[in-house]
Protein backbone atom coordinates (compact mmCIF):
# COMPACT_ATOMS: atom_id res chain seq x y z
CA UNK A 1 135.68 67.83 102.01
CA UNK A 2 132.95 66.77 104.07
CA UNK A 3 131.79 70.81 103.36
CA UNK A 4 131.99 70.42 99.92
CA UNK A 5 129.75 67.12 100.55
CA UNK A 6 127.32 69.19 101.87
CA UNK A 7 127.31 71.86 99.54
CA UNK A 8 126.33 69.28 96.54
CA UNK A 9 123.79 67.63 98.59
CA UNK A 10 122.05 70.65 99.18
CA UNK A 11 121.79 71.64 95.62
CA UNK A 12 120.61 68.35 94.97
CA UNK A 13 117.61 68.76 97.01
CA UNK A 14 117.03 72.25 96.25
CA UNK A 15 117.17 71.89 92.25
CA UNK A 16 114.74 68.79 92.98
CA UNK A 17 112.22 70.95 95.35
CA UNK A 18 112.27 73.31 92.16
CA UNK A 19 112.14 70.89 89.44
CA UNK A 20 109.74 68.12 90.63
CA UNK A 21 106.15 70.00 90.81
CA UNK A 22 106.51 71.05 87.42
CA UNK A 23 104.59 69.27 85.25
CA UNK A 24 104.37 69.26 81.53
CA UNK A 25 101.65 71.41 79.79
CA UNK A 26 100.04 68.08 78.24
CA UNK A 27 99.77 66.29 81.62
CA UNK A 28 97.94 68.90 83.20
CA UNK A 29 93.75 68.08 82.76
CA UNK A 30 91.74 70.48 81.67
CA UNK A 31 88.29 71.12 83.16
CA UNK A 32 85.55 69.19 81.16
CA UNK A 33 81.40 69.18 81.50
CA UNK A 34 80.32 66.75 84.07
CA UNK A 35 76.71 65.51 84.47
CA UNK A 36 74.47 66.78 87.10
CA UNK A 37 71.54 64.57 88.37
CA UNK A 38 67.97 66.32 87.82
CA UNK A 39 65.07 65.15 89.44
CA UNK A 40 62.49 63.45 87.01
CA UNK A 41 59.46 65.12 85.85
CA UNK A 42 56.90 63.67 83.62
CA UNK A 43 58.29 63.17 79.82
CA UNK A 44 58.51 64.44 77.50
CA UNK A 45 59.27 67.71 79.32
CA UNK A 46 60.56 71.01 77.82
CA UNK A 47 62.82 73.62 78.98
CA UNK A 48 62.26 77.22 78.83
CA UNK A 49 65.00 79.10 80.66
CA UNK A 50 67.90 79.13 82.68
CA UNK A 51 69.32 82.04 84.72
CA UNK A 52 72.13 82.40 87.49
CA UNK A 53 72.85 84.95 89.98
CA UNK A 54 76.15 83.60 91.38
CA UNK A 55 77.70 80.31 91.95
CA UNK A 56 74.95 79.01 94.65
CA UNK A 57 71.67 80.06 92.97
CA UNK A 58 70.17 79.09 89.92
CA UNK A 59 66.06 78.63 88.73
CA UNK A 60 65.59 76.62 85.61
CA UNK A 61 62.03 76.74 84.19
CA UNK A 62 59.94 74.72 81.71
CA UNK A 63 56.86 72.12 81.80
CA UNK A 64 55.97 68.86 81.81
CA UNK A 65 53.14 67.17 80.16
CA UNK A 66 50.18 65.70 82.02
CA UNK A 67 46.86 63.86 81.35
CA UNK A 68 45.25 67.21 80.86
CA UNK A 69 47.84 69.86 79.28
CA UNK A 70 51.46 70.74 80.46
CA UNK A 71 52.60 71.09 83.88
CA UNK A 72 54.91 74.11 85.22
CA UNK A 73 58.38 72.94 86.35
CA UNK A 74 60.63 75.13 88.28
CA UNK A 75 64.29 73.58 89.60
CA UNK A 76 66.21 75.71 92.25
CA UNK A 77 69.82 75.00 92.03
CA UNK A 78 71.88 75.62 95.49
CA UNK A 79 75.50 75.38 94.42
CA UNK A 80 75.58 71.58 94.95
CA UNK A 81 72.32 70.16 93.80
CA UNK A 82 69.11 70.53 91.82
CA UNK A 83 65.66 70.47 93.55
CA UNK A 84 62.34 70.87 92.52
CA UNK A 85 60.44 73.66 93.51
CA UNK A 86 56.36 73.01 93.86
CA UNK A 87 55.60 75.79 96.49
CA UNK A 88 54.75 78.47 93.82
CA UNK A 89 51.03 79.20 93.02
CA UNK A 90 49.67 77.47 90.21
CA UNK A 91 52.40 74.62 90.51
CA UNK A 92 49.52 71.86 90.37
CA UNK A 93 47.82 73.66 87.78
CA UNK A 94 47.81 73.50 83.93
CA UNK A 95 50.57 76.07 82.81
CA UNK A 96 53.98 76.72 81.72
CA UNK A 97 56.67 78.81 83.26
CA UNK A 98 58.98 80.82 81.17
CA UNK A 99 61.81 83.58 81.43
CA UNK A 100 63.47 84.07 85.11
CA UNK A 101 65.10 87.08 86.13
CA UNK A 102 66.53 88.49 89.33
CA UNK A 103 65.42 91.94 90.78
CA UNK A 104 66.97 93.26 93.57
CA UNK A 105 66.96 90.46 96.03
CA UNK A 106 63.69 88.84 94.23
CA UNK A 107 63.31 86.27 91.49
CA UNK A 108 60.79 87.17 88.98
CA UNK A 109 59.26 84.18 86.85
CA UNK A 110 56.54 84.70 84.04
CA UNK A 111 53.95 82.24 84.45
CA UNK A 112 51.53 81.12 81.95
CA UNK A 113 48.46 79.82 84.23
CA UNK A 114 46.17 77.88 81.66
CA UNK A 115 46.04 81.19 79.46
CA UNK A 116 45.96 83.49 82.15
CA UNK A 117 49.13 85.80 82.21
CA UNK A 118 51.10 86.53 86.02
CA UNK A 119 54.61 87.03 87.33
CA UNK A 120 55.97 85.09 90.09
CA UNK A 121 57.77 86.91 92.70
CA UNK A 122 60.16 85.07 95.35
CA UNK A 123 60.96 87.20 98.28
CA UNK A 124 62.19 86.53 101.84
CA UNK A 125 59.48 88.76 103.22
CA UNK A 126 56.50 86.90 102.03
CA UNK A 127 55.04 83.82 103.80
CA UNK A 128 55.43 80.80 101.55
CA UNK A 129 58.38 83.06 99.65
CA UNK A 130 55.93 83.36 96.57
CA UNK A 131 53.84 86.03 95.52
CA UNK A 132 51.93 86.50 91.70
CA UNK A 133 51.56 89.59 90.28
CA UNK A 134 48.26 89.19 87.58
CA UNK A 135 48.79 90.94 84.23
CA UNK A 136 46.21 93.57 83.54
CA UNK A 137 44.71 91.51 80.05
CA UNK A 138 45.26 88.19 79.08
CA UNK A 139 47.14 87.60 75.99
CA UNK A 140 46.05 85.03 73.04
CA UNK A 141 50.21 84.72 72.81
CA UNK A 142 53.02 85.50 75.06
CA UNK A 143 55.99 85.87 73.53
CA UNK A 144 58.38 87.40 76.30
CA UNK A 145 59.11 88.65 79.32
CA UNK A 146 61.54 90.73 81.14
CA UNK A 147 62.07 92.56 84.22
CA UNK A 148 64.38 95.16 86.06
CA UNK A 149 64.46 97.07 89.50
CA UNK A 150 61.40 99.72 88.61
CA UNK A 151 60.08 98.33 85.51
CA UNK A 152 58.82 95.06 83.99
CA UNK A 153 57.58 94.15 80.37
CA UNK A 154 55.64 91.40 78.76
CA UNK A 155 55.23 91.11 75.06
CA UNK A 156 52.83 89.34 72.83
CA UNK A 157 49.46 89.45 71.40
CA UNK A 158 45.83 89.31 71.23
CA UNK A 159 42.49 90.08 68.88
CA UNK A 160 43.64 93.59 68.35
CA UNK A 161 47.18 92.64 67.67
CA UNK A 162 50.88 93.65 69.02
CA UNK A 163 50.73 94.40 72.69
CA UNK A 164 53.24 95.62 74.80
CA UNK A 165 52.61 95.53 78.64
CA UNK A 166 54.82 97.96 80.91
CA UNK A 167 55.10 97.70 84.52
CA UNK A 168 56.15 100.44 86.31
CA UNK A 169 56.37 99.26 90.08
CA UNK A 170 52.75 100.29 90.92
CA UNK A 171 50.84 99.56 87.89
CA UNK A 172 50.53 98.63 84.14
CA UNK A 173 50.25 100.53 81.04
CA UNK A 174 50.23 99.84 77.29
CA UNK A 175 53.34 100.88 75.32
CA UNK A 176 52.94 101.71 71.46
CA UNK A 177 55.48 100.90 69.28
CA UNK A 178 56.70 102.54 66.02
CA UNK A 179 54.62 102.43 62.91
CA UNK A 180 55.28 99.08 60.55
CA UNK A 181 56.30 96.76 63.88
CA UNK A 182 54.03 93.91 63.32
CA UNK A 183 55.14 92.05 66.29
CA UNK A 184 58.06 91.33 68.65
CA UNK A 185 60.18 88.49 68.98
CA UNK A 186 61.88 89.15 72.50
CA UNK A 187 62.83 91.71 74.80
CA UNK A 188 65.55 92.48 77.21
CA UNK A 189 66.51 95.31 79.55
CA UNK A 190 69.33 96.81 81.53
CA UNK A 191 67.45 99.35 83.34
CA UNK A 192 64.13 100.89 83.79
CA UNK A 193 65.02 103.28 80.93
CA UNK A 194 67.13 101.09 78.97
CA UNK A 195 65.09 98.29 77.14
CA UNK A 196 65.74 96.79 73.70
CA UNK A 197 63.57 94.47 71.74
CA UNK A 198 63.58 92.82 68.51
CA UNK A 199 60.81 92.94 66.31
CA UNK A 200 59.35 91.63 62.84
CA UNK A 201 58.33 95.00 60.74
CA UNK A 202 57.21 96.12 57.16
CA UNK A 203 61.09 96.85 56.79
CA UNK A 204 62.17 93.57 57.67
CA UNK A 205 63.78 92.31 61.27
CA UNK A 206 64.25 95.66 63.33
CA UNK A 207 65.94 96.24 66.49
CA UNK A 208 64.03 98.74 69.06
CA UNK A 209 65.05 100.52 71.90
CA UNK A 210 63.14 102.05 74.85
CA UNK A 211 64.60 105.58 76.54
CA UNK A 212 62.36 105.98 79.12
CA UNK A 213 60.26 107.92 77.17
CA UNK A 214 59.06 105.91 73.78
CA UNK A 215 59.94 103.10 71.77
CA UNK A 216 62.18 103.91 68.92
CA UNK A 217 64.11 102.08 66.03
CA UNK A 218 67.87 101.77 66.88
CA UNK A 219 69.03 101.73 63.69
CA UNK A 220 71.34 98.31 64.26
CA UNK A 221 73.01 97.73 60.90
CA UNK A 222 71.72 93.60 60.88
CA UNK A 223 72.53 91.64 57.87
CA UNK A 224 70.58 91.56 54.97
CA UNK A 225 67.95 88.97 55.23
CA UNK A 226 68.31 87.96 58.92
CA UNK A 227 66.46 87.64 62.25
CA UNK A 228 67.42 87.79 65.69
CA UNK A 229 67.56 84.91 68.39
CA UNK A 230 68.46 87.07 71.38
CA UNK A 231 70.69 89.97 72.51
CA UNK A 232 72.84 90.31 75.39
CA UNK A 233 72.77 93.42 77.36
CA UNK A 234 76.56 93.35 79.03
CA UNK A 235 78.46 95.50 80.95
CA UNK A 236 80.31 99.24 79.72
CA UNK A 237 77.56 99.65 77.56
CA UNK A 238 78.31 96.46 75.14
CA UNK A 239 75.76 94.72 73.52
CA UNK A 240 75.60 91.64 71.56
CA UNK A 241 73.47 90.11 69.03
CA UNK A 242 72.53 86.53 67.62
CA UNK A 243 70.80 85.29 64.70
CA UNK A 244 70.53 84.07 61.52
CA UNK A 245 71.11 85.40 57.88
CA UNK A 246 69.71 83.64 54.69
CA UNK A 247 71.53 83.50 51.58
CA UNK A 248 69.83 81.32 49.03
CA UNK A 249 67.58 79.69 51.08
CA UNK A 250 70.28 78.42 53.54
CA UNK A 251 70.83 79.78 57.41
CA UNK A 252 73.83 80.83 58.40
CA UNK A 253 74.36 82.26 62.13
CA UNK A 254 76.01 85.41 62.66
CA UNK A 255 77.18 87.52 65.88
CA UNK A 256 76.95 90.96 66.09
CA UNK A 257 78.71 93.45 69.25
CA UNK A 258 78.04 96.59 69.67
CA UNK A 259 81.17 98.50 71.97
CA UNK A 260 79.41 101.54 72.50
CA UNK A 261 80.55 103.41 69.22
CA UNK A 262 80.44 101.05 66.43
CA UNK A 263 78.52 97.64 65.49
CA UNK A 264 80.84 94.46 64.02
CA UNK A 265 79.90 91.07 62.34
CA UNK A 266 81.14 88.36 62.32
CA UNK A 267 80.20 84.58 61.01
CA UNK A 268 81.79 81.71 62.97
CA UNK A 269 81.58 78.26 61.76
CA UNK A 270 78.49 77.44 63.37
CA UNK A 271 76.23 76.65 60.88
CA UNK A 272 72.80 77.06 61.66
CA UNK A 273 72.60 77.40 65.26
CA UNK A 274 69.71 78.83 66.93
CA UNK A 275 71.74 81.23 69.39
CA UNK A 276 68.79 81.89 72.17
CA UNK A 277 70.93 79.40 74.55
CA UNK A 278 74.07 82.08 74.22
CA UNK A 279 75.72 83.49 77.25
CA UNK A 280 79.30 85.62 78.08
CA UNK A 281 81.13 82.82 80.29
CA UNK A 282 83.18 83.32 83.38
CA UNK A 283 86.19 83.18 80.80
CA UNK A 284 84.85 86.06 78.59
CA UNK A 285 84.03 84.24 75.38
CA UNK A 286 80.64 83.49 74.07
CA UNK A 287 79.05 80.11 74.84
CA UNK A 288 76.41 78.35 72.60
CA UNK A 289 74.55 74.95 72.58
CA UNK A 290 74.90 73.38 69.65
CA UNK A 291 73.40 70.24 67.77
CA UNK A 292 75.53 67.40 68.43
CA UNK A 293 77.59 65.38 65.94
CA UNK A 294 77.38 62.83 68.65
CA UNK A 295 73.93 61.14 69.59
CA UNK A 296 75.25 59.99 73.40
CA UNK A 297 76.88 63.52 73.80
CA UNK A 298 75.98 66.96 74.13
CA UNK A 299 78.41 69.99 72.20
CA UNK A 300 78.93 73.30 73.18
CA UNK A 301 80.89 76.02 71.09
CA UNK A 302 82.87 78.70 72.41
CA UNK A 303 83.53 81.58 70.38
CA UNK A 304 86.33 84.06 71.76
CA UNK A 305 87.00 86.49 68.90
CA UNK A 306 87.81 85.05 65.59
CA UNK A 307 88.77 81.26 67.24
CA UNK A 308 85.77 79.06 67.74
CA UNK A 309 86.30 75.94 69.24
CA UNK A 310 84.21 73.01 70.45
CA UNK A 311 83.57 70.86 73.50
CA UNK A 312 81.58 67.83 74.50
CA UNK A 313 79.63 66.40 77.70
CA UNK A 314 79.88 63.28 79.65
CA UNK A 315 79.24 60.39 77.42
CA UNK A 316 75.34 59.12 78.36
CA UNK A 317 74.76 55.55 77.76
CA UNK A 318 72.13 54.49 75.59
CA UNK A 319 71.23 58.30 74.56
CA UNK A 320 69.97 59.28 71.23
CA UNK A 321 69.60 62.65 71.57
CA UNK A 322 71.28 65.28 74.21
CA UNK A 323 70.01 68.68 74.14
CA UNK A 324 71.73 71.40 76.07
CA UNK A 325 68.44 74.05 75.93
CA UNK A 326 69.84 76.89 78.08
CA UNK A 327 73.36 78.19 79.45
CA UNK A 328 74.01 80.64 82.37
CA UNK A 329 77.16 81.64 84.15
CA UNK A 330 77.44 80.38 87.88
CA UNK A 331 80.12 81.93 89.31
CA UNK A 332 83.43 80.58 87.24
CA UNK A 333 81.58 77.87 86.32
CA UNK A 334 78.79 77.70 83.43
CA UNK A 335 76.05 75.50 83.94
CA UNK A 336 73.76 74.14 81.22
CA UNK A 337 70.18 72.86 81.32
CA UNK A 338 68.41 70.77 78.59
CA UNK A 339 66.73 67.39 77.75
CA UNK A 340 68.23 63.94 77.07
CA UNK A 341 66.48 61.00 75.39
CA UNK A 342 67.37 57.73 76.35
CA UNK A 343 66.70 54.73 73.68
CA UNK A 344 63.35 53.64 74.67
CA UNK A 345 61.86 56.42 76.64
CA UNK A 346 60.98 59.94 75.81
CA UNK A 347 63.01 63.07 76.82
CA UNK A 348 63.41 64.00 80.15
CA UNK A 349 65.85 66.53 82.09
CA UNK A 350 69.32 66.74 82.13
CA UNK A 351 72.14 69.37 83.50
CA UNK A 352 75.82 69.65 82.83
CA UNK A 353 78.54 71.93 84.75
CA UNK A 354 81.64 73.20 83.47
CA UNK A 355 84.23 74.37 85.71
CA UNK A 356 83.93 74.44 89.56
């Protein structure tokens, strides 16, 4: 009898050990967006770009307002907190910071220094960390910048029209574009011999590709009456384009994906969202900051194949406009950077994180 009782007690304990850790799926808390403190700037501020190398390094750029014009802003994420970096050349002078690129172990950032263009380079081997690579000529407008090991491009315009400035590691040159191209709206690159740009041409919006020899029409079958906001060059040859198509005067967001063989076009329920802040998240889905229907919280779209879902950032008391401007994948997390306008104040900086 005692033996039977012992067996029963053991069975009860074993069942409890197996059953008790199980929690209903509905009770498991899903990770949500959390607010991150950002050192204040002089409002109103404008956010330009955000890029992350991994969970412990991200950089955000933009500019704040001073009495004599805009001042460049640079923030660094170290995996725990945001801090402001004011040690780069021209930090106290009028100007703006643009796109951030990781080139080998270095950080490259485009700097409009009161109209004179240069590339800031942060390297461990340089005293103070920062140096500047001046452009060979000043442009009226600096449209975009990209850099990879062995190459960099700056596109814009001056009095003679469109300019594509190319750096090959030793010096600058000017690259011609196909006939009919009026100006380049953006540029990105995978390698020194594989760069892409989206342009306005006499035939409408056109995607160009640099193959190491010349810029050519990539013959991307863009939707009719459309433009391009951004392009992601992803591993294994995948390319993702985000833009807007106009039908009867109304803009609607579209996404195009190239799998190495063919282009596929989708039109998720995103309205007229501007997709420049689009990023491929750690979960494999596309994430895009969208206009929120809640004045006190940001809103993000997650596009995974044919399924689109939305999530909200944390509630911000007295906020009347929360605008995440840029997203970046930081390891297993997503970082956002943007602005928030609190009732009675001008827009200042905000940042949020999804995941850990």
